[in-house]
Amino acid sequence: MMPHTDQNYYQRLGVTPAATPVQLRQAYRARVMETHPDLHPGADPTPYRLVKKAYETLANPDERQRYDVLMGLGAEAYRPCVYRRSFDRLFASLLFGLRATVLSVRDLSDQVDVARRKAG
């Protein structure tokens, strides 16, 4: 079995990123029955805590959207366009605004500053 630290929240609950809130709740209840320390005396409480944390995050729509964006699981439409534009501008300015020769770190920082100003 894969260690819990290598699993994302969806894997901990046993659902896909497209799961509905009802499916999340059902999966959470099933996983709690498997991992709750009161139901399994002497068992390690860590898996239960991890399942609980996963459900708390995914049950909240705002936190779930944030988690999906950070994990790269959300659809492109749900990712804030501010991030896309910022990175696109940064990379475009770095790729096209820098000269081919860099003699020192100071030269590089000067070129990056000029490219940032051009990008707006």
N, C-alpha and C. Protein backbone atom coordinates (compact mmCIF):
# COMPACT_ATOMS: atom_id res chain seq x y z
N MET A 1 0.84 -1.18 0.00
CA MET A 1 0.00 0.00 0.00
C MET A 1 0.88 1.24 0.00
N MET A 2 0.47 2.28 -0.73
CA MET A 2 1.22 3.51 -0.84
C MET A 2 1.20 4.26 0.50
N PRO A 3 2.34 4.85 0.90
CA PRO A 3 2.34 5.62 2.15
C PRO A 3 1.37 6.80 2.04
N HIS A 4 0.80 7.17 3.16
CA HIS A 4 -0.19 8.25 3.15
C HIS A 4 0.38 9.57 2.70
N THR A 5 1.65 9.80 2.92
CA THR A 5 2.24 11.08 2.55
C THR A 5 2.34 11.24 1.04
N ASP A 6 2.30 10.13 0.28
CA ASP A 6 2.39 10.20 -1.17
C ASP A 6 1.02 10.35 -1.83
N GLN A 7 -0.04 10.37 -1.06
CA GLN A 7 -1.37 10.46 -1.62
C GLN A 7 -1.89 11.88 -1.55
N ASN A 8 -2.64 12.25 -2.59
CA ASN A 8 -3.32 13.54 -2.49
C ASN A 8 -4.64 13.32 -1.77
N TYR A 9 -5.37 14.39 -1.52
CA TYR A 9 -6.60 14.28 -0.73
C TYR A 9 -7.64 13.40 -1.41
N TYR A 10 -7.73 13.44 -2.71
CA TYR A 10 -8.70 12.61 -3.42
C TYR A 10 -8.36 11.14 -3.27
N GLN A 11 -7.08 10.81 -3.35
CA GLN A 11 -6.67 9.42 -3.19
C GLN A 11 -6.93 8.93 -1.77
N ARG A 12 -6.75 9.80 -0.80
CA ARG A 12 -7.01 9.40 0.60
C ARG A 12 -8.46 9.02 0.80
N LEU A 13 -9.35 9.73 0.10
CA LEU A 13 -10.78 9.42 0.23
C LEU A 13 -11.23 8.35 -0.76
N GLY A 14 -10.41 8.07 -1.76
CA GLY A 14 -10.78 7.05 -2.73
C GLY A 14 -11.76 7.54 -3.78
N VAL A 15 -11.67 8.81 -4.15
CA VAL A 15 -12.55 9.39 -5.18
C VAL A 15 -11.70 10.08 -6.24
N THR A 16 -12.34 10.49 -7.31
CA THR A 16 -11.66 11.23 -8.37
C THR A 16 -11.83 12.73 -8.13
N PRO A 17 -11.03 13.57 -8.78
CA PRO A 17 -11.21 15.02 -8.63
C PRO A 17 -12.56 15.52 -9.13
N ALA A 18 -13.26 14.74 -9.91
CA ALA A 18 -14.57 15.14 -10.41
C ALA A 18 -15.71 14.73 -9.47
N ALA A 19 -15.39 14.24 -8.29
CA ALA A 19 -16.41 13.75 -7.35
C ALA A 19 -17.32 14.89 -6.88
N THR A 20 -18.59 14.55 -6.73
CA THR A 20 -19.58 15.52 -6.24
C THR A 20 -19.49 15.58 -4.72
N PRO A 21 -20.10 16.61 -4.12
CA PRO A 21 -20.10 16.67 -2.64
C PRO A 21 -20.73 15.44 -1.99
N VAL A 22 -21.74 14.88 -2.61
CA VAL A 22 -22.39 13.67 -2.06
C VAL A 22 -21.41 12.50 -2.11
N GLN A 23 -20.70 12.35 -3.22
CA GLN A 23 -19.72 11.27 -3.34
C GLN A 23 -18.58 11.45 -2.34
N LEU A 24 -18.17 12.70 -2.12
CA LEU A 24 -17.13 12.97 -1.13
C LEU A 24 -17.58 12.54 0.26
N ARG A 25 -18.81 12.91 0.62
CA ARG A 25 -19.33 12.58 1.95
C ARG A 25 -19.43 11.06 2.12
N GLN A 26 -19.92 10.36 1.09
CA GLN A 26 -20.03 8.90 1.18
C GLN A 26 -18.66 8.25 1.32
N ALA A 27 -17.70 8.73 0.54
CA ALA A 27 -16.34 8.17 0.60
C ALA A 27 -15.71 8.46 1.96
N TYR A 28 -15.95 9.66 2.48
CA TYR A 28 -15.42 10.03 3.79
C TYR A 28 -15.97 9.10 4.87
N ARG A 29 -17.26 8.88 4.85
CA ARG A 29 -17.88 8.01 5.87
C ARG A 29 -17.33 6.58 5.79
N ALA A 30 -17.12 6.11 4.57
CA ALA A 30 -16.58 4.76 4.40
C ALA A 30 -15.14 4.69 4.92
N ARG A 31 -14.33 5.72 4.62
CA ARG A 31 -12.94 5.73 5.08
C ARG A 31 -12.84 5.90 6.60
N VAL A 32 -13.77 6.65 7.18
CA VAL A 32 -13.78 6.81 8.64
C VAL A 32 -14.04 5.46 9.30
N MET A 33 -14.94 4.68 8.74
CA MET A 33 -15.22 3.36 9.30
C MET A 33 -13.99 2.46 9.25
N GLU A 34 -13.14 2.67 8.26
CA GLU A 34 -11.93 1.85 8.12
C GLU A 34 -10.79 2.33 9.01
N THR A 35 -10.76 3.63 9.31
CA THR A 35 -9.57 4.19 9.96
C THR A 35 -9.79 4.76 11.35
N HIS A 36 -11.01 4.89 11.82
CA HIS A 36 -11.26 5.56 13.10
C HIS A 36 -10.65 4.75 14.24
N PRO A 37 -9.84 5.41 15.09
CA PRO A 37 -9.17 4.67 16.17
C PRO A 37 -10.12 4.10 17.22
N ASP A 38 -11.30 4.68 17.40
CA ASP A 38 -12.25 4.14 18.38
C ASP A 38 -12.87 2.82 17.88
N LEU A 39 -12.96 2.68 16.57
CA LEU A 39 -13.52 1.45 16.01
C LEU A 39 -12.49 0.34 15.89
N HIS A 40 -11.22 0.73 15.90
CA HIS A 40 -10.11 -0.23 15.78
C HIS A 40 -9.10 0.04 16.89
N PRO A 41 -9.35 -0.47 18.10
CA PRO A 41 -8.45 -0.21 19.23
C PRO A 41 -7.02 -0.66 18.92
N GLY A 42 -6.11 0.20 19.29
CA GLY A 42 -4.69 -0.11 19.07
C GLY A 42 -4.19 0.30 17.69
N ALA A 43 -5.08 0.77 16.83
CA ALA A 43 -4.66 1.18 15.49
C ALA A 43 -4.04 2.57 15.54
N ASP A 44 -3.19 2.85 14.59
CA ASP A 44 -2.54 4.16 14.48
C ASP A 44 -3.58 5.21 14.09
N PRO A 45 -3.68 6.33 14.83
CA PRO A 45 -4.68 7.36 14.51
C PRO A 45 -4.29 8.25 13.33
N THR A 46 -3.07 8.14 12.84
CA THR A 46 -2.62 9.02 11.75
C THR A 46 -3.47 8.90 10.49
N PRO A 47 -3.79 7.69 10.00
CA PRO A 47 -4.63 7.61 8.80
C PRO A 47 -5.98 8.30 8.97
N TYR A 48 -6.56 8.19 10.16
CA TYR A 48 -7.84 8.85 10.43
C TYR A 48 -7.69 10.37 10.34
N ARG A 49 -6.63 10.89 10.91
CA ARG A 49 -6.39 12.34 10.87
C ARG A 49 -6.21 12.82 9.44
N LEU A 50 -5.50 12.03 8.64
CA LEU A 50 -5.27 12.42 7.24
C LEU A 50 -6.57 12.41 6.44
N VAL A 51 -7.41 11.41 6.69
CA VAL A 51 -8.71 11.34 6.01
C VAL A 51 -9.58 12.52 6.43
N LYS A 52 -9.57 12.83 7.70
CA LYS A 52 -10.37 13.94 8.22
C LYS A 52 -9.93 15.26 7.60
N LYS A 53 -8.62 15.49 7.53
CA LYS A 53 -8.09 16.72 6.94
C LYS A 53 -8.45 16.80 5.46
N ALA A 54 -8.37 15.68 4.75
CA ALA A 54 -8.72 15.66 3.34
C ALA A 54 -10.18 16.05 3.14
N TYR A 55 -11.05 15.48 3.94
CA TYR A 55 -12.48 15.79 3.80
C TYR A 55 -12.77 17.24 4.17
N GLU A 56 -12.17 17.73 5.23
CA GLU A 56 -12.41 19.13 5.63
C GLU A 56 -12.02 20.09 4.51
N THR A 57 -10.94 19.79 3.82
CA THR A 57 -10.50 20.66 2.73
C THR A 57 -11.41 20.53 1.52
N LEU A 58 -11.74 19.32 1.13
CA LEU A 58 -12.52 19.10 -0.09
C LEU A 58 -14.00 19.41 0.09
N ALA A 59 -14.51 19.40 1.31
CA ALA A 59 -15.92 19.69 1.54
C ALA A 59 -16.21 21.18 1.43
N ASN A 60 -15.22 22.02 1.64
CA ASN A 60 -15.38 23.46 1.51
C ASN A 60 -15.08 23.85 0.06
N PRO A 61 -16.06 24.39 -0.68
CA PRO A 61 -15.85 24.69 -2.10
C PRO A 61 -14.67 25.63 -2.37
N ASP A 62 -14.48 26.65 -1.54
CA ASP A 62 -13.37 27.58 -1.76
C ASP A 62 -12.02 26.91 -1.54
N GLU A 63 -11.93 26.15 -0.45
CA GLU A 63 -10.68 25.45 -0.17
C GLU A 63 -10.40 24.37 -1.22
N ARG A 64 -11.46 23.72 -1.68
CA ARG A 64 -11.28 22.69 -2.71
C ARG A 64 -10.76 23.30 -4.00
N GLN A 65 -11.30 24.44 -4.40
CA GLN A 65 -10.84 25.10 -5.62
C GLN A 65 -9.37 25.51 -5.47
N ARG A 66 -9.03 26.07 -4.31
CA ARG A 66 -7.65 26.47 -4.05
C ARG A 66 -6.72 25.25 -4.09
N TYR A 67 -7.15 24.16 -3.48
CA TYR A 67 -6.35 22.93 -3.46
C TYR A 67 -6.16 22.40 -4.89
N ASP A 68 -7.23 22.39 -5.67
CA ASP A 68 -7.14 21.91 -7.04
C ASP A 68 -6.16 22.73 -7.87
N VAL A 69 -6.20 24.03 -7.69
CA VAL A 69 -5.29 24.90 -8.43
C VAL A 69 -3.84 24.63 -8.03
N LEU A 70 -3.59 24.53 -6.73
CA LEU A 70 -2.23 24.29 -6.26
C LEU A 70 -1.70 22.93 -6.68
N MET A 71 -2.57 21.94 -6.73
CA MET A 71 -2.15 20.59 -7.11
C MET A 71 -2.17 20.37 -8.62
N GLY A 72 -2.67 21.34 -9.37
CA GLY A 72 -2.75 21.19 -10.82
C GLY A 72 -3.85 20.24 -11.24
N LEU A 73 -4.88 20.09 -10.41
CA LEU A 73 -5.95 19.15 -10.71
C LEU A 73 -7.18 19.83 -11.30
N GLY A 74 -7.30 21.13 -11.12
CA GLY A 74 -8.48 21.84 -11.59
C GLY A 74 -8.44 22.08 -13.08
N ALA A 75 -9.60 22.30 -13.64
CA ALA A 75 -9.68 22.62 -15.05
C ALA A 75 -9.10 24.01 -15.27
N GLU A 76 -8.60 24.25 -16.46
CA GLU A 76 -7.99 25.54 -16.78
C GLU A 76 -8.96 26.69 -16.54
N ALA A 77 -10.25 26.47 -16.78
CA ALA A 77 -11.24 27.52 -16.61
C ALA A 77 -11.36 27.94 -15.14
N TYR A 78 -11.06 27.06 -14.21
CA TYR A 78 -11.20 27.38 -12.80
C TYR A 78 -9.95 28.02 -12.21
N ARG A 79 -8.86 28.03 -12.96
CA ARG A 79 -7.65 28.64 -12.45
C ARG A 79 -7.73 30.15 -12.64
N PRO A 80 -7.37 30.90 -11.65
CA PRO A 80 -7.44 32.35 -11.78
C PRO A 80 -6.58 32.84 -12.93
N CYS A 81 -7.17 33.64 -13.81
CA CYS A 81 -6.45 34.10 -14.98
C CYS A 81 -5.32 35.04 -14.61
N VAL A 82 -5.35 35.62 -13.43
CA VAL A 82 -4.29 36.52 -13.00
C VAL A 82 -2.96 35.77 -12.98
N TYR A 83 -2.96 34.53 -12.49
CA TYR A 83 -1.74 33.75 -12.44
C TYR A 83 -1.21 33.47 -13.84
N ARG A 84 -2.12 33.07 -14.74
CA ARG A 84 -1.69 32.76 -16.11
C ARG A 84 -1.08 33.98 -16.77
N ARG A 85 -1.74 35.13 -16.65
CA ARG A 85 -1.23 36.34 -17.29
C ARG A 85 0.11 36.75 -16.71
N SER A 86 0.23 36.68 -15.40
CA SER A 86 1.48 37.08 -14.77
C SER A 86 2.64 36.22 -15.24
N PHE A 87 2.44 34.89 -15.25
CA PHE A 87 3.51 34.01 -15.69
C PHE A 87 3.80 34.17 -17.17
N ASP A 88 2.76 34.33 -17.97
CA ASP A 88 2.98 34.53 -19.40
C ASP A 88 3.80 35.78 -19.65
N ARG A 89 3.46 36.85 -18.97
CA ARG A 89 4.23 38.09 -19.13
C ARG A 89 5.67 37.93 -18.67
N LEU A 90 5.84 37.29 -17.53
CA LEU A 90 7.18 37.12 -16.99
C LEU A 90 8.05 36.31 -17.94
N PHE A 91 7.55 35.18 -18.40
CA PHE A 91 8.35 34.34 -19.28
C PHE A 91 8.59 34.99 -20.63
N ALA A 92 7.59 35.68 -21.17
CA ALA A 92 7.78 36.36 -22.44
C ALA A 92 8.84 37.44 -22.31
N SER A 93 8.78 38.20 -21.22
CA SER A 93 9.76 39.26 -21.04
C SER A 93 11.16 38.70 -20.82
N LEU A 94 11.24 37.58 -20.10
CA LEU A 94 12.56 36.99 -19.87
C LEU A 94 13.13 36.38 -21.15
N LEU A 95 12.29 35.73 -21.93
CA LEU A 95 12.78 35.09 -23.14
C LEU A 95 13.17 36.09 -24.23
N PHE A 96 12.38 37.14 -24.39
CA PHE A 96 12.62 38.05 -25.49
C PHE A 96 13.33 39.33 -25.08
N GLY A 97 13.36 39.62 -23.78
CA GLY A 97 13.97 40.87 -23.33
C GLY A 97 15.42 40.75 -22.92
N LEU A 98 15.92 39.55 -22.75
CA LEU A 98 17.30 39.39 -22.31
C LEU A 98 18.24 39.31 -23.51
N ARG A 99 19.37 39.93 -23.36
CA ARG A 99 20.41 39.81 -24.39
C ARG A 99 21.11 38.47 -24.23
N ALA A 100 21.78 38.05 -25.27
CA ALA A 100 22.42 36.73 -25.27
C ALA A 100 23.65 36.69 -24.38
N THR A 101 24.32 37.82 -24.21
CA THR A 101 25.55 37.80 -23.41
C THR A 101 25.30 38.38 -22.04
N VAL A 102 25.69 37.67 -21.04
CA VAL A 102 25.60 38.13 -19.67
C VAL A 102 27.00 38.00 -19.07
N LEU A 103 27.58 39.13 -18.67
CA LEU A 103 28.94 39.11 -18.17
C LEU A 103 29.00 38.95 -16.65
N SER A 104 27.95 39.39 -15.96
CA SER A 104 27.97 39.28 -14.50
C SER A 104 26.53 39.17 -13.99
N VAL A 105 26.39 38.92 -12.71
CA VAL A 105 25.07 38.85 -12.11
C VAL A 105 24.39 40.22 -12.17
N ARG A 106 25.18 41.27 -12.05
CA ARG A 106 24.61 42.62 -12.13
C ARG A 106 24.02 42.87 -13.52
N ASP A 107 24.73 42.43 -14.57
CA ASP A 107 24.20 42.58 -15.93
C ASP A 107 22.86 41.85 -16.06
N LEU A 108 22.80 40.66 -15.51
CA LEU A 108 21.57 39.88 -15.58
C LEU A 108 20.43 40.58 -14.85
N SER A 109 20.69 41.08 -13.64
CA SER A 109 19.62 41.75 -12.89
C SER A 109 19.18 43.02 -13.59
N ASP A 110 20.11 43.75 -14.22
CA ASP A 110 19.74 44.95 -14.98
C ASP A 110 18.83 44.58 -16.15
N GLN A 111 19.14 43.49 -16.84
CA GLN A 111 18.33 43.08 -17.98
C GLN A 111 16.95 42.62 -17.54
N VAL A 112 16.88 41.91 -16.42
CA VAL A 112 15.58 41.46 -15.91
C VAL A 112 14.74 42.66 -15.52
N ASP A 113 15.33 43.67 -14.88
CA ASP A 113 14.58 44.87 -14.50
C ASP A 113 14.02 45.57 -15.73
N VAL A 114 14.80 45.68 -16.80
CA VAL A 114 14.33 46.32 -18.03
C VAL A 114 13.18 45.50 -18.63
N ALA A 115 13.34 44.19 -18.64
CA ALA A 115 12.30 43.32 -19.21
C ALA A 115 11.02 43.43 -18.39
N ARG A 116 11.13 43.53 -17.07
CA ARG A 116 9.93 43.67 -16.23
C ARG A 116 9.21 44.98 -16.52
N ARG A 117 9.97 46.06 -16.68
CA ARG A 117 9.34 47.34 -16.97
C ARG A 117 8.62 47.32 -18.31
N LYS A 118 9.19 46.65 -19.29
CA LYS A 118 8.55 46.54 -20.60
C LYS A 118 7.27 45.72 -20.53
N ALA A 119 7.28 44.69 -19.69
CA ALA A 119 6.11 43.81 -19.57
C ALA A 119 4.95 44.50 -18.86
N GLY A 120 5.25 45.50 -18.10
CA GLY A 120 4.19 46.24 -17.42
C GLY A 120 3.86 45.66 -16.12
